[in-house]
Structures are given as C-alpha cells and as structure tokens.
Amino acid sequence: TATAGGSTNYADSVKGRFTVSRDNAKNTAYLQMNSLKPED
C-alpha cells in the first residue's frame, strides 16, 4: 500500500521480494515480483 507520505508498506510475506513503482506520466502502477513462491 502507498502511504500518504509517498512511501510503500509491504506485507511481511512479500517484503524484500516485491517492489511497487509508478509511472505518473502513463498513469500506470507496477508490481515487480521476484523469487516467486507457490504461496504467491
């Protein structure tokens, strides 16, 4: 989740593996998911 201050909070289960980014010019948000596990 994006915070009001512009940072991102991650669930413990994905912390260190998933990264959120945004391209405001394209009005697009991204979720980069690495080291994927079956529980994802």
PDB file of all heavy atoms in Angstrom:
ATOM      1  N   THR A   1       0.830  -1.190   0.000  1.00  0.00           N
ATOM      2  CA  THR A   1       0.000   0.000   0.000  1.00  0.00           C
ATOM      3  C   THR A   1       0.869   1.245   0.000  1.00  0.00           C
ATOM      4  O   THR A   1       1.922   1.283   0.638  1.00  0.00           O
ATOM      5  CB  THR A   1      -0.942   0.057   1.207  1.00  0.00           C
ATOM      6  OG1 THR A   1      -0.183  -0.066   2.416  1.00  0.00           O
ATOM      7  CG2 THR A   1      -1.963  -1.062   1.142  1.00  0.00           C
ATOM      8  N   ALA A   2       0.395   2.249  -0.707  1.00  0.00           N
ATOM      9  CA  ALA A   2       1.071   3.540  -0.742  1.00  0.00           C
ATOM     10  C   ALA A   2       0.604   4.377   0.433  1.00  0.00           C
ATOM     11  O   ALA A   2      -0.590   4.459   0.713  1.00  0.00           O
ATOM     12  CB  ALA A   2       0.787   4.252  -2.053  1.00  0.00           C
ATOM     13  N   THR A   3       1.537   5.011   1.103  1.00  0.00           N
ATOM     14  CA  THR A   3       1.211   5.862   2.228  1.00  0.00           C
ATOM     15  C   THR A   3       1.011   7.291   1.757  1.00  0.00           C
ATOM     16  O   THR A   3       1.395   7.673   0.656  1.00  0.00           O
ATOM     17  CB  THR A   3       2.307   5.822   3.292  1.00  0.00           C
ATOM     18  OG1 THR A   3       3.481   6.481   2.786  1.00  0.00           O
ATOM     19  CG2 THR A   3       2.661   4.390   3.653  1.00  0.00           C
ATOM     20  N   ALA A   4       0.414   8.095   2.636  1.00  0.00           N
ATOM     21  CA  ALA A   4       0.203   9.499   2.318  1.00  0.00           C
ATOM     22  C   ALA A   4       1.518  10.232   2.120  1.00  0.00           C
ATOM     23  O   ALA A   4       1.570  11.228   1.398  1.00  0.00           O
ATOM     24  CB  ALA A   4      -0.617  10.165   3.417  1.00  0.00           C
ATOM     25  N   GLY A   5       2.562   9.740   2.752  1.00  0.00           N
ATOM     26  CA  GLY A   5       3.861  10.365   2.627  1.00  0.00           C
ATOM     27  C   GLY A   5       4.646   9.953   1.396  1.00  0.00           C
ATOM     28  O   GLY A   5       5.769  10.430   1.202  1.00  0.00           O
ATOM     29  N   GLY A   6       4.075   9.063   0.579  1.00  0.00           N
ATOM     30  CA  GLY A   6       4.726   8.681  -0.660  1.00  0.00           C
ATOM     31  C   GLY A   6       5.580   7.433  -0.589  1.00  0.00           C
ATOM     32  O   GLY A   6       6.197   7.051  -1.585  1.00  0.00           O
ATOM     33  N   SER A   7       5.634   6.789   0.555  1.00  0.00           N
ATOM     34  CA  SER A   7       6.369   5.543   0.679  1.00  0.00           C
ATOM     35  C   SER A   7       5.432   4.360   0.490  1.00  0.00           C
ATOM     36  O   SER A   7       4.235   4.526   0.276  1.00  0.00           O
ATOM     37  CB  SER A   7       7.077   5.464   2.029  1.00  0.00           C
ATOM     38  OG  SER A   7       6.134   5.477   3.087  1.00  0.00           O
ATOM     39  N   THR A   8       5.971   3.159   0.579  1.00  0.00           N
ATOM     40  CA  THR A   8       5.199   1.947   0.358  1.00  0.00           C
ATOM     41  C   THR A   8       5.360   0.998   1.528  1.00  0.00           C
ATOM     42  O   THR A   8       6.473   0.761   1.998  1.00  0.00           O
ATOM     43  CB  THR A   8       5.646   1.236  -0.934  1.00  0.00           C
ATOM     44  OG1 THR A   8       5.538   2.130  -2.037  1.00  0.00           O
ATOM     45  CG2 THR A   8       4.791   0.005  -1.190  1.00  0.00           C
ATOM     46  N   ASN A   9       4.244   0.473   2.001  1.00  0.00           N
ATOM     47  CA  ASN A   9       4.246  -0.573   3.012  1.00  0.00           C
ATOM     48  C   ASN A   9       3.987  -1.911   2.343  1.00  0.00           C
ATOM     49  O   ASN A   9       3.080  -2.031   1.523  1.00  0.00           O
ATOM     50  CB  ASN A   9       3.174  -0.310   4.064  1.00  0.00           C
ATOM     51  CG  ASN A   9       3.468   0.909   4.903  1.00  0.00           C
ATOM     52  OD1 ASN A   9       4.626   1.234   5.155  1.00  0.00           O
ATOM     53  ND2 ASN A   9       2.420   1.592   5.354  1.00  0.00           N
ATOM     54  N   TYR A  10       4.768  -2.909   2.720  1.00  0.00           N
ATOM     55  CA  TYR A  10       4.642  -4.239   2.142  1.00  0.00           C
ATOM     56  C   TYR A  10       4.214  -5.241   3.201  1.00  0.00           C
ATOM     57  O   TYR A  10       4.618  -5.150   4.364  1.00  0.00           O
ATOM     58  CB  TYR A  10       5.960  -4.708   1.535  1.00  0.00           C
ATOM     59  CG  TYR A  10       6.434  -3.886   0.363  1.00  0.00           C
ATOM     60  CD1 TYR A  10       7.283  -2.805   0.550  1.00  0.00           C
ATOM     61  CD2 TYR A  10       6.035  -4.197  -0.935  1.00  0.00           C
ATOM     62  CE1 TYR A  10       7.719  -2.050  -0.529  1.00  0.00           C
ATOM     63  CE2 TYR A  10       6.469  -3.446  -2.013  1.00  0.00           C
ATOM     64  CZ  TYR A  10       7.309  -2.373  -1.811  1.00  0.00           C
ATOM     65  OH  TYR A  10       7.744  -1.626  -2.884  1.00  0.00           O
ATOM     66  N   ALA A  11       3.413  -6.206   2.775  1.00  0.00           N
ATOM     67  CA  ALA A  11       3.094  -7.316   3.652  1.00  0.00           C
ATOM     68  C   ALA A  11       4.369  -8.083   3.981  1.00  0.00           C
ATOM     69  O   ALA A  11       5.280  -8.190   3.154  1.00  0.00           O
ATOM     70  CB  ALA A  11       2.082  -8.245   2.990  1.00  0.00           C
ATOM     71  N   ASP A  12       4.428  -8.614   5.191  1.00  0.00           N
ATOM     72  CA  ASP A  12       5.621  -9.349   5.599  1.00  0.00           C
ATOM     73  C   ASP A  12       5.936 -10.505   4.651  1.00  0.00           C
ATOM     74  O   ASP A  12       7.106 -10.829   4.428  1.00  0.00           O
ATOM     75  CB  ASP A  12       5.451  -9.882   7.018  1.00  0.00           C
ATOM     76  CG  ASP A  12       5.508  -8.783   8.065  1.00  0.00           C
ATOM     77  OD1 ASP A  12       6.013  -7.689   7.764  1.00  0.00           O
ATOM     78  OD2 ASP A  12       5.046  -9.025   9.199  1.00  0.00           O
ATOM     79  N   SER A  13       4.909 -11.107   4.099  1.00  0.00           N
ATOM     80  CA  SER A  13       5.094 -12.268   3.246  1.00  0.00           C
ATOM     81  C   SER A  13       5.791 -11.949   1.929  1.00  0.00           C
ATOM     82  O   SER A  13       6.326 -12.855   1.283  1.00  0.00           O
ATOM     83  CB  SER A  13       3.747 -12.939   2.965  1.00  0.00           C
ATOM     84  OG  SER A  13       2.856 -12.041   2.332  1.00  0.00           O
ATOM     85  N   VAL A  14       5.781 -10.684   1.514  1.00  0.00           N
ATOM     86  CA  VAL A  14       6.381 -10.311   0.237  1.00  0.00           C
ATOM     87  C   VAL A  14       7.538  -9.341   0.392  1.00  0.00           C
ATOM     88  O   VAL A  14       8.212  -9.028  -0.597  1.00  0.00           O
ATOM     89  CB  VAL A  14       5.336  -9.707  -0.723  1.00  0.00           C
ATOM     90  CG1 VAL A  14       4.140 -10.630  -0.864  1.00  0.00           C
ATOM     91  CG2 VAL A  14       4.901  -8.320  -0.256  1.00  0.00           C
ATOM     92  N   LYS A  15       7.783  -8.887   1.584  1.00  0.00           N
ATOM     93  CA  LYS A  15       8.829  -7.898   1.824  1.00  0.00           C
ATOM     94  C   LYS A  15      10.180  -8.429   1.365  1.00  0.00           C
ATOM     95  O   LYS A  15      10.567  -9.555   1.684  1.00  0.00           O
ATOM     96  CB  LYS A  15       8.865  -7.525   3.303  1.00  0.00           C
ATOM     97  CG  LYS A  15       9.642  -6.261   3.615  1.00  0.00           C
ATOM     98  CD  LYS A  15       9.449  -5.856   5.072  1.00  0.00           C
ATOM     99  CE  LYS A  15       7.988  -5.573   5.389  1.00  0.00           C
ATOM    100  NZ  LYS A  15       7.788  -5.149   6.805  1.00  0.00           N
ATOM    101  N   GLY A  16      10.888  -7.608   0.622  1.00  0.00           N
ATOM    102  CA  GLY A  16      12.175  -7.996   0.092  1.00  0.00           C
ATOM    103  C   GLY A  16      12.109  -8.695  -1.245  1.00  0.00           C
ATOM    104  O   GLY A  16      13.154  -8.879  -1.890  1.00  0.00           O
ATOM    105  N   ARG A  17      10.921  -9.097  -1.675  1.00  0.00           N
ATOM    106  CA  ARG A  17      10.754  -9.788  -2.945  1.00  0.00           C
ATOM    107  C   ARG A  17       9.941  -8.977  -3.952  1.00  0.00           C
ATOM    108  O   ARG A  17      10.177  -9.067  -5.154  1.00  0.00           O
ATOM    109  CB  ARG A  17      10.077 -11.141  -2.741  1.00  0.00           C
ATOM    110  CG  ARG A  17      10.852 -12.089  -1.837  1.00  0.00           C
ATOM    111  CD  ARG A  17      10.220 -13.477  -1.807  1.00  0.00           C
ATOM    112  NE  ARG A  17       8.865 -13.452  -1.246  1.00  0.00           N
ATOM    113  CZ  ARG A  17       7.777 -13.824  -1.902  1.00  0.00           C
ATOM    114  NH1 ARG A  17       7.863 -14.260  -3.152  1.00  0.00           N
ATOM    115  NH2 ARG A  17       6.591 -13.780  -1.310  1.00  0.00           N
ATOM    116  N   PHE A  18       8.981  -8.206  -3.468  1.00  0.00           N
ATOM    117  CA  PHE A  18       8.100  -7.426  -4.332  1.00  0.00           C
ATOM    118  C   PHE A  18       8.441  -5.946  -4.218  1.00  0.00           C
ATOM    119  O   PHE A  18       8.801  -5.465  -3.136  1.00  0.00           O
ATOM    120  CB  PHE A  18       6.629  -7.617  -3.938  1.00  0.00           C
ATOM    121  CG  PHE A  18       6.060  -8.979  -4.218  1.00  0.00           C
ATOM    122  CD1 PHE A  18       6.862 -10.046  -4.575  1.00  0.00           C
ATOM    123  CD2 PHE A  18       4.690  -9.177  -4.110  1.00  0.00           C
ATOM    124  CE1 PHE A  18       6.328 -11.302  -4.828  1.00  0.00           C
ATOM    125  CE2 PHE A  18       4.142 -10.422  -4.359  1.00  0.00           C
ATOM    126  CZ  PHE A  18       4.959 -11.493  -4.722  1.00  0.00           C
ATOM    127  N   THR A  19       8.288  -5.226  -5.324  1.00  0.00           N
ATOM    128  CA  THR A  19       8.560  -3.801  -5.353  1.00  0.00           C
ATOM    129  C   THR A  19       7.491  -3.083  -6.166  1.00  0.00           C
ATOM    130  O   THR A  19       7.180  -3.487  -7.287  1.00  0.00           O
ATOM    131  CB  THR A  19       9.936  -3.496  -5.959  1.00  0.00           C
ATOM    132  OG1 THR A  19      10.958  -4.195  -5.236  1.00  0.00           O
ATOM    133  CG2 THR A  19      10.229  -1.999  -5.888  1.00  0.00           C
ATOM    134  N   VAL A  20       6.943  -2.025  -5.596  1.00  0.00           N
ATOM    135  CA  VAL A  20       5.959  -1.196  -6.280  1.00  0.00           C
ATOM    136  C   VAL A  20       6.651  -0.015  -6.936  1.00  0.00           C
ATOM    137  O   VAL A  20       7.553   0.594  -6.347  1.00  0.00           O
ATOM    138  CB  VAL A  20       4.883  -0.694  -5.299  1.00  0.00           C
ATOM    139  CG1 VAL A  20       4.010   0.379  -5.946  1.00  0.00           C
ATOM    140  CG2 VAL A  20       4.031  -1.849  -4.807  1.00  0.00           C
ATOM    141  N   SER A  21       6.232   0.312  -8.143  1.00  0.00           N
ATOM    142  CA  SER A  21       6.711   1.510  -8.808  1.00  0.00           C
ATOM    143  C   SER A  21       5.554   2.152  -9.563  1.00  0.00           C
ATOM    144  O   SER A  21       4.506   1.532  -9.763  1.00  0.00           O
ATOM    145  CB  SER A  21       7.878   1.208  -9.755  1.00  0.00           C
ATOM    146  OG  SER A  21       7.485   0.313 -10.779  1.00  0.00           O
ATOM    147  N   ARG A  22       5.762   3.391  -9.970  1.00  0.00           N
ATOM    148  CA  ARG A  22       4.718   4.138 -10.658  1.00  0.00           C
ATOM    149  C   ARG A  22       5.308   4.950 -11.794  1.00  0.00           C
ATOM    150  O   ARG A  22       6.448   5.427 -11.702  1.00  0.00           O
ATOM    151  CB  ARG A  22       3.991   5.082  -9.695  1.00  0.00           C
ATOM    152  CG  ARG A  22       2.923   4.429  -8.848  1.00  0.00           C
ATOM    153  CD  ARG A  22       2.882   5.017  -7.467  1.00  0.00           C
ATOM    154  NE  ARG A  22       4.034   4.604  -6.686  1.00  0.00           N
ATOM    155  CZ  ARG A  22       4.182   4.833  -5.395  1.00  0.00           C
ATOM    156  NH1 ARG A  22       3.259   5.491  -4.728  1.00  0.00           N
ATOM    157  NH2 ARG A  22       5.267   4.419  -4.758  1.00  0.00           N
ATOM    158  N   ASP A  23       4.540   5.081 -12.841  1.00  0.00           N
ATOM    159  CA  ASP A  23       4.862   5.975 -13.939  1.00  0.00           C
ATOM    160  C   ASP A  23       3.691   6.939 -14.050  1.00  0.00           C
ATOM    161  O   ASP A  23       2.678   6.630 -14.677  1.00  0.00           O
ATOM    162  CB  ASP A  23       5.072   5.212 -15.243  1.00  0.00           C
ATOM    163  CG  ASP A  23       5.579   6.100 -16.360  1.00  0.00           C
ATOM    164  OD1 ASP A  23       5.326   7.318 -16.339  1.00  0.00           O
ATOM    165  OD2 ASP A  23       6.237   5.570 -17.279  1.00  0.00           O
ATOM    166  N   ASN A  24       3.825   8.087 -13.429  1.00  0.00           N
ATOM    167  CA  ASN A  24       2.717   9.029 -13.379  1.00  0.00           C
ATOM    168  C   ASN A  24       2.333   9.550 -14.760  1.00  0.00           C
ATOM    169  O   ASN A  24       1.160   9.811 -15.023  1.00  0.00           O
ATOM    170  CB  ASN A  24       3.066  10.197 -12.460  1.00  0.00           C
ATOM    171  CG  ASN A  24       3.153   9.789 -11.009  1.00  0.00           C
ATOM    172  OD1 ASN A  24       2.474   8.864 -10.561  1.00  0.00           O
ATOM    173  ND2 ASN A  24       3.994  10.480 -10.251  1.00  0.00           N
ATOM    174  N   ALA A  25       3.314   9.702 -15.638  1.00  0.00           N
ATOM    175  CA  ALA A  25       3.021  10.185 -16.984  1.00  0.00           C
ATOM    176  C   ALA A  25       2.124   9.215 -17.744  1.00  0.00           C
ATOM    177  O   ALA A  25       1.330   9.623 -18.587  1.00  0.00           O
ATOM    178  CB  ALA A  25       4.310  10.432 -17.747  1.00  0.00           C
ATOM    179  N   LYS A  26       2.268   7.932 -17.464  1.00  0.00           N
ATOM    180  CA  LYS A  26       1.460   6.906 -18.120  1.00  0.00           C
ATOM    181  C   LYS A  26       0.270   6.461 -17.278  1.00  0.00           C
ATOM    182  O   LYS A  26      -0.475   5.571 -17.691  1.00  0.00           O
ATOM    183  CB  LYS A  26       2.321   5.693 -18.444  1.00  0.00           C
ATOM    184  CG  LYS A  26       3.446   5.961 -19.430  1.00  0.00           C
ATOM    185  CD  LYS A  26       4.247   4.696 -19.705  1.00  0.00           C
ATOM    186  CE  LYS A  26       5.364   4.949 -20.699  1.00  0.00           C
ATOM    187  NZ  LYS A  26       6.161   3.719 -20.956  1.00  0.00           N
ATOM    188  N   ASN A  27       0.115   7.061 -16.103  1.00  0.00           N
ATOM    189  CA  ASN A  27      -0.956   6.671 -15.182  1.00  0.00           C
ATOM    190  C   ASN A  27      -0.968   5.168 -14.950  1.00  0.00           C
ATOM    191  O   ASN A  27      -2.017   4.517 -14.990  1.00  0.00           O
ATOM    192  CB  ASN A  27      -2.308   7.142 -15.704  1.00  0.00           C
ATOM    193  CG  ASN A  27      -2.441   8.646 -15.703  1.00  0.00           C
ATOM    194  OD1 ASN A  27      -2.316   9.285 -14.662  1.00  0.00           O
ATOM    195  ND2 ASN A  27      -2.688   9.220 -16.872  1.00  0.00           N
ATOM    196  N   THR A  28       0.197   4.644 -14.689  1.00  0.00           N
ATOM    197  CA  THR A  28       0.367   3.207 -14.545  1.00  0.00           C
ATOM    198  C   THR A  28       1.147   2.881 -13.281  1.00  0.00           C
ATOM    199  O   THR A  28       2.145   3.538 -12.974  1.00  0.00           O
ATOM    200  CB  THR A  28       1.095   2.624 -15.763  1.00  0.00           C
ATOM    201  OG1 THR A  28       0.344   2.908 -16.947  1.00  0.00           O
ATOM    202  CG2 THR A  28       1.248   1.119 -15.630  1.00  0.00           C
ATOM    203  N   ALA A  29       0.680   1.875 -12.574  1.00  0.00           N
ATOM    204  CA  ALA A  29       1.385   1.341 -11.422  1.00  0.00           C
ATOM    205  C   ALA A  29       1.886  -0.052 -11.749  1.00  0.00           C
ATOM    206  O   ALA A  29       1.283  -0.776 -12.551  1.00  0.00           O
ATOM    207  CB  ALA A  29       0.473   1.300 -10.201  1.00  0.00           C
ATOM    208  N   TYR A  30       2.980  -0.435 -11.129  1.00  0.00           N
ATOM    209  CA  TYR A  30       3.605  -1.722 -11.393  1.00  0.00           C
ATOM    210  C   TYR A  30       3.864  -2.458 -10.095  1.00  0.00           C
ATOM    211  O   TYR A  30       4.049  -1.855  -9.041  1.00  0.00           O
ATOM    212  CB  TYR A  30       4.937  -1.544 -12.126  1.00  0.00           C
ATOM    213  CG  TYR A  30       4.845  -0.778 -13.412  1.00  0.00           C
ATOM    214  CD1 TYR A  30       5.057   0.596 -13.445  1.00  0.00           C
ATOM    215  CD2 TYR A  30       4.542  -1.421 -14.606  1.00  0.00           C
ATOM    216  CE1 TYR A  30       4.973   1.306 -14.623  1.00  0.00           C
ATOM    217  CE2 TYR A  30       4.456  -0.723 -15.793  1.00  0.00           C
ATOM    218  CZ  TYR A  30       4.677   0.640 -15.803  1.00  0.00           C
ATOM    219  OH  TYR A  30       4.592   1.338 -16.984  1.00  0.00           O
ATOM    220  N   LEU A  31       3.891  -3.762 -10.204  1.00  0.00           N
ATOM    221  CA  LEU A  31       4.308  -4.610  -9.105  1.00  0.00           C
ATOM    222  C   LEU A  31       5.331  -5.596  -9.644  1.00  0.00           C
ATOM    223  O   LEU A  31       4.982  -6.521 -10.387  1.00  0.00           O
ATOM    224  CB  LEU A  31       3.129  -5.355  -8.485  1.00  0.00           C
ATOM    225  CG  LEU A  31       3.472  -6.257  -7.295  1.00  0.00           C
ATOM    226  CD1 LEU A  31       3.970  -5.420  -6.116  1.00  0.00           C
ATOM    227  CD2 LEU A  31       2.266  -7.096  -6.891  1.00  0.00           C
ATOM    228  N   GLN A  32       6.587  -5.375  -9.295  1.00  0.00           N
ATOM    229  CA  GLN A  32       7.650  -6.287  -9.675  1.00  0.00           C
ATOM    230  C   GLN A  32       7.732  -7.392  -8.637  1.00  0.00           C
ATOM    231  O   GLN A  32       7.935  -7.122  -7.452  1.00  0.00           O
ATOM    232  CB  GLN A  32       8.986  -5.549  -9.769  1.00  0.00           C
ATOM    233  CG  GLN A  32      10.168  -6.438 -10.124  1.00  0.00           C
ATOM    234  CD  GLN A  32      10.082  -6.994 -11.524  1.00  0.00           C
ATOM    235  OE1 GLN A  32       9.785  -6.264 -12.462  1.00  0.00           O
ATOM    236  NE2 GLN A  32      10.323  -8.297 -11.670  1.00  0.00           N
ATOM    237  N   MET A  33       7.585  -8.622  -9.071  1.00  0.00           N
ATOM    238  CA  MET A  33       7.566  -9.770  -8.179  1.00  0.00           C
ATOM    239  C   MET A  33       8.735 -10.679  -8.523  1.00  0.00           C
ATOM    240  O   MET A  33       8.802 -11.224  -9.626  1.00  0.00           O
ATOM    241  CB  MET A  33       6.249 -10.531  -8.292  1.00  0.00           C
ATOM    242  CG  MET A  33       5.022  -9.664  -8.054  1.00  0.00           C
ATOM    243  SD  MET A  33       3.483 -10.614  -8.089  1.00  0.00           S
ATOM    244  CE  MET A  33       3.474 -11.117  -9.818  1.00  0.00           C
ATOM    245  N   ASN A  34       9.637 -10.836  -7.587  1.00  0.00           N
ATOM    246  CA  ASN A  34      10.803 -11.687  -7.755  1.00  0.00           C
ATOM    247  C   ASN A  34      10.765 -12.831  -6.758  1.00  0.00           C
ATOM    248  O   ASN A  34      10.048 -12.782  -5.761  1.00  0.00           O
ATOM    249  CB  ASN A  34      12.093 -10.878  -7.568  1.00  0.00           C
ATOM    250  CG  ASN A  34      12.244  -9.757  -8.566  1.00  0.00           C
ATOM    251  OD1 ASN A  34      11.861  -9.889  -9.726  1.00  0.00           O
ATOM    252  ND2 ASN A  34      12.821  -8.640  -8.120  1.00  0.00           N
ATOM    253  N   SER A  35      11.562 -13.844  -7.027  1.00  0.00           N
ATOM    254  CA  SER A  35      11.656 -15.001  -6.134  1.00  0.00           C
ATOM    255  C   SER A  35      10.284 -15.540  -5.773  1.00  0.00           C
ATOM    256  O   SER A  35       9.972 -15.793  -4.606  1.00  0.00           O
ATOM    257  CB  SER A  35      12.440 -14.631  -4.873  1.00  0.00           C
ATOM    258  OG  SER A  35      13.739 -14.166  -5.188  1.00  0.00           O
ATOM    259  N   LEU A  36       9.465 -15.727  -6.776  1.00  0.00           N
ATOM    260  CA  LEU A  36       8.083 -16.130  -6.541  1.00  0.00           C
ATOM    261  C   LEU A  36       7.997 -17.520  -5.925  1.00  0.00           C
ATOM    262  O   LEU A  36       8.788 -18.414  -6.239  1.00  0.00           O
ATOM    263  CB  LEU A  36       7.298 -16.076  -7.843  1.00  0.00           C
ATOM    264  CG  LEU A  36       6.897 -14.667  -8.275  1.00  0.00           C
ATOM    265  CD1 LEU A  36       6.522 -14.628  -9.744  1.00  0.00           C
ATOM    266  CD2 LEU A  36       5.745 -14.156  -7.417  1.00  0.00           C
ATOM    267  N   LYS A  37       7.015 -17.667  -5.053  1.00  0.00           N
ATOM    268  CA  LYS A  37       6.765 -18.906  -4.341  1.00  0.00           C
ATOM    269  C   LYS A  37       5.366 -19.414  -4.668  1.00  0.00           C
ATOM    270  O   LYS A  37       4.487 -18.634  -5.031  1.00  0.00           O
ATOM    271  CB  LYS A  37       6.873 -18.683  -2.826  1.00  0.00           C
ATOM    272  CG  LYS A  37       8.186 -18.083  -2.365  1.00  0.00           C
ATOM    273  CD  LYS A  37       8.145 -17.783  -0.877  1.00  0.00           C
ATOM    274  CE  LYS A  37       9.442 -17.168  -0.398  1.00  0.00           C
ATOM    275  NZ  LYS A  37       9.389 -16.859   1.065  1.00  0.00           N
ATOM    276  N   PRO A  38       5.133 -20.713  -4.518  1.00  0.00           N
ATOM    277  CA  PRO A  38       3.780 -21.228  -4.766  1.00  0.00           C
ATOM    278  C   PRO A  38       2.708 -20.512  -3.956  1.00  0.00           C
ATOM    279  O   PRO A  38       1.581 -20.343  -4.443  1.00  0.00           O
ATOM    280  CB  PRO A  38       3.899 -22.704  -4.379  1.00  0.00           C
ATOM    281  CG  PRO A  38       5.319 -23.039  -4.659  1.00  0.00           C
ATOM    282  CD  PRO A  38       6.094 -21.799  -4.278  1.00  0.00           C
ATOM    283  N   GLU A  39       3.030 -20.091  -2.744  1.00  0.00           N
ATOM    284  CA  GLU A  39       2.049 -19.401  -1.919  1.00  0.00           C
ATOM    285  C   GLU A  39       1.712 -18.003  -2.415  1.00  0.00           C
ATOM    286  O   GLU A  39       0.799 -17.361  -1.890  1.00  0.00           O
ATOM    287  CB  GLU A  39       2.509 -19.338  -0.454  1.00  0.00           C
ATOM    288  CG  GLU A  39       3.920 -18.821  -0.277  1.00  0.00           C
ATOM    289  CD  GLU A  39       4.940 -19.936  -0.115  1.00  0.00           C
ATOM    290  OE1 GLU A  39       4.878 -20.913  -0.896  1.00  0.00           O
ATOM    291  OE2 GLU A  39       5.793 -19.849   0.786  1.00  0.00           O
ATOM    292  N   ASP A  40       2.431 -17.515  -3.421  1.00  0.00           N
ATOM    293  CA  ASP A  40       2.082 -16.254  -4.055  1.00  0.00           C
ATOM    294  C   ASP A  40       0.961 -16.413  -5.074  1.00  0.00           C
ATOM    295  O   ASP A  40       0.473 -15.413  -5.611  1.00  0.00           O
ATOM    296  CB  ASP A  40       3.301 -15.642  -4.755  1.00  0.00           C
ATOM    297  CG  ASP A  40       4.398 -15.247  -3.781  1.00  0.00           C
ATOM    298  OD1 ASP A  40       4.076 -14.701  -2.701  1.00  0.00           O
ATOM    299  OD2 ASP A  40       5.581 -15.478  -4.099  1.00  0.00           O
TER     300      ASP A  40
END
